[in-house]
Each structure stands twice: as C-alpha cells, then as structure tokens.
C-alpha cells in the first residue's frame, strides 16, 4: 500500500477514534456508565491511541500528517 493511501486510512481511523473518545467522555459526564464500564472504555481508548502511534511509526507517517488541511474550513482533526 502506498504511503499516501496508508496516511488516508490512518486519518479516517484517527477521526473515528477521536469521535469515539468524545462520545465516551460525554457518556461518563452524563453518568450513563458504571465504574466498570468507565474503566473498560478508558483502557480501550488508551490501547487504541497506542496502536495508532505504532501504526504511524510502522508506516513512516507522523501523527501530524493525519490532520488534513481543508482550506477555509480549517483542519479535519481538532487540536487536542
């Protein structure tokens, strides 16, 4: 797979990861989850973040390369 295609796939995965993270935070703040669920989500999100970093390293893609510039709309991924 070409580097540009890998970067695009990783960008989509990172966008989904960030959306899932925001949804999980919202649910925790609303009190929709019990302590076990909060712990499980936290662990899962940490593992996903770690795996994304590993994939970026493995394919020679920097995390900042994943944030596409959409011109007047700004960047695809919000700055954390």
C-alpha atoms as a PDB file:
ATOM      1  CA  UNK A   1       0.000   0.000   0.000  1.00  0.00           C
ATOM      2  CA  UNK A   2       1.366   3.435  -0.887  1.00  0.00           C
ATOM      3  CA  UNK A   3       2.268   5.859   1.882  1.00  0.00           C
ATOM      4  CA  UNK A   4      -0.467   8.331   0.841  1.00  0.00           C
ATOM      5  CA  UNK A   5      -3.141   5.650   0.995  1.00  0.00           C
ATOM      6  CA  UNK A   6      -1.868   4.462   4.385  1.00  0.00           C
ATOM      7  CA  UNK A   7      -1.963   8.051   5.650  1.00  0.00           C
ATOM      8  CA  UNK A   8      -5.540   8.447   4.400  1.00  0.00           C
ATOM      9  CA  UNK A   9      -6.683   5.214   6.062  1.00  0.00           C
ATOM     10  CA  UNK A  10      -4.958   6.164   9.307  1.00  0.00           C
ATOM     11  CA  UNK A  11      -6.568   9.617   9.129  1.00  0.00           C
ATOM     12  CA  UNK A  12     -10.028   8.060   8.923  1.00  0.00           C
ATOM     13  CA  UNK A  13      -9.225   5.684  11.783  1.00  0.00           C
ATOM     14  CA  UNK A  14      -7.902   8.577  13.900  1.00  0.00           C
ATOM     15  CA  UNK A  15     -11.013  10.648  13.204  1.00  0.00           C
ATOM     16  CA  UNK A  16     -13.213   7.745  14.307  1.00  0.00           C
ATOM     17  CA  UNK A  17     -11.052   7.187  17.395  1.00  0.00           C
ATOM     18  CA  UNK A  18     -11.413  10.826  18.409  1.00  0.00           C
ATOM     19  CA  UNK A  19     -15.179  10.750  17.846  1.00  0.00           C
ATOM     20  CA  UNK A  20     -15.469   7.609  19.988  1.00  0.00           C
ATOM     21  CA  UNK A  21     -13.369   9.254  22.694  1.00  0.00           C
ATOM     22  CA  UNK A  22     -15.591  12.343  22.761  1.00  0.00           C
ATOM     23  CA  UNK A  23     -18.728  10.194  22.915  1.00  0.00           C
ATOM     24  CA  UNK A  24     -17.264   8.186  25.798  1.00  0.00           C
ATOM     25  CA  UNK A  25     -16.383  11.378  27.693  1.00  0.00           C
ATOM     26  CA  UNK A  26     -19.913  12.676  27.150  1.00  0.00           C
ATOM     27  CA  UNK A  27     -21.400   9.436  28.493  1.00  0.00           C
ATOM     28  CA  UNK A  28     -19.101   9.477  31.534  1.00  0.00           C
ATOM     29  CA  UNK A  29     -20.011  13.103  32.287  1.00  0.00           C
ATOM     30  CA  UNK A  30     -23.733  12.280  31.977  1.00  0.00           C
ATOM     31  CA  UNK A  31     -23.332   9.377  34.395  1.00  0.00           C
ATOM     32  CA  UNK A  32     -24.579   6.821  31.852  1.00  0.00           C
ATOM     33  CA  UNK A  33     -21.836   4.314  32.690  1.00  0.00           C
ATOM     34  CA  UNK A  34     -20.957   2.328  35.770  1.00  0.00           C
ATOM     35  CA  UNK A  35     -17.404   2.245  37.161  1.00  0.00           C
ATOM     36  CA  UNK A  36     -16.538  -0.992  35.352  1.00  0.00           C
ATOM     37  CA  UNK A  37     -17.678   0.418  32.003  1.00  0.00           C
ATOM     38  CA  UNK A  38     -15.706   3.622  32.563  1.00  0.00           C
ATOM     39  CA  UNK A  39     -12.583   1.585  33.325  1.00  0.00           C
ATOM     40  CA  UNK A  40     -13.089  -0.616  30.259  1.00  0.00           C
ATOM     41  CA  UNK A  41     -13.619   2.354  27.940  1.00  0.00           C
ATOM     42  CA  UNK A  42     -10.577   4.129  29.358  1.00  0.00           C
ATOM     43  CA  UNK A  43      -8.397   1.077  28.813  1.00  0.00           C
ATOM     44  CA  UNK A  44      -9.734   0.558  25.291  1.00  0.00           C
ATOM     45  CA  UNK A  45      -9.127   4.176  24.315  1.00  0.00           C
ATOM     46  CA  UNK A  46      -5.575   4.072  25.670  1.00  0.00           C
ATOM     47  CA  UNK A  47      -4.867   0.886  23.708  1.00  0.00           C
ATOM     48  CA  UNK A  48      -6.328   2.412  20.524  1.00  0.00           C
ATOM     49  CA  UNK A  49      -4.171   5.505  20.949  1.00  0.00           C
ATOM     50  CA  UNK A  50      -1.076   3.352  21.493  1.00  0.00           C
ATOM     51  CA  UNK A  51      -1.885   1.212  18.444  1.00  0.00           C
ATOM     52  CA  UNK A  52      -2.369   4.302  16.275  1.00  0.00           C
ATOM     53  CA  UNK A  53       1.075   5.539  17.297  1.00  0.00           C
ATOM     54  CA  UNK A  54       2.568   2.131  16.477  1.00  0.00           C
ATOM     55  CA  UNK A  55       0.887   2.061  13.054  1.00  0.00           C
ATOM     56  CA  UNK A  56       2.123   5.562  12.266  1.00  0.00           C
ATOM     57  CA  UNK A  57       5.676   4.566  13.193  1.00  0.00           C
ATOM     58  CA  UNK A  58       5.447   1.307  11.267  1.00  0.00           C
ATOM     59  CA  UNK A  59       4.361   3.095   8.078  1.00  0.00           C
ATOM     60  CA  UNK A  60       6.541   6.196   8.444  1.00  0.00           C
ATOM     61  CA  UNK A  61       3.607   8.540   8.964  1.00  0.00           C
ATOM     62  CA  UNK A  62       3.816  11.308  11.547  1.00  0.00           C
ATOM     63  CA  UNK A  63       0.667  11.885  13.630  1.00  0.00           C
ATOM     64  CA  UNK A  64       0.561  15.497  12.432  1.00  0.00           C
ATOM     65  CA  UNK A  65       0.417  14.202   8.833  1.00  0.00           C
ATOM     66  CA  UNK A  66      -3.031  12.810   9.619  1.00  0.00           C
ATOM     67  CA  UNK A  67      -4.579  16.234  10.149  1.00  0.00           C
ATOM     68  CA  UNK A  68      -5.690  17.189   6.653  1.00  0.00           C
ATOM     69  CA  UNK A  69      -5.948  20.886   5.779  1.00  0.00           C
ATOM     70  CA  UNK A  70      -9.443  21.591   4.495  1.00  0.00           C
ATOM     71  CA  UNK A  71      -8.647  25.130   3.367  1.00  0.00           C
ATOM     72  CA  UNK A  72     -11.140  27.704   4.625  1.00  0.00           C
ATOM     73  CA  UNK A  73     -12.803  25.079   6.818  1.00  0.00           C
ATOM     74  CA  UNK A  74      -9.632  24.562   8.838  1.00  0.00           C
ATOM     75  CA  UNK A  75      -8.211  21.171   9.668  1.00  0.00           C
ATOM     76  CA  UNK A  76     -10.023  17.847   9.738  1.00  0.00           C
ATOM     77  CA  UNK A  77      -8.945  16.848  13.222  1.00  0.00           C
ATOM     78  CA  UNK A  78      -9.391  19.218  16.145  1.00  0.00           C
ATOM     79  CA  UNK A  79      -6.277  20.166  18.065  1.00  0.00           C
ATOM     80  CA  UNK A  80      -6.319  18.406  21.429  1.00  0.00           C
END
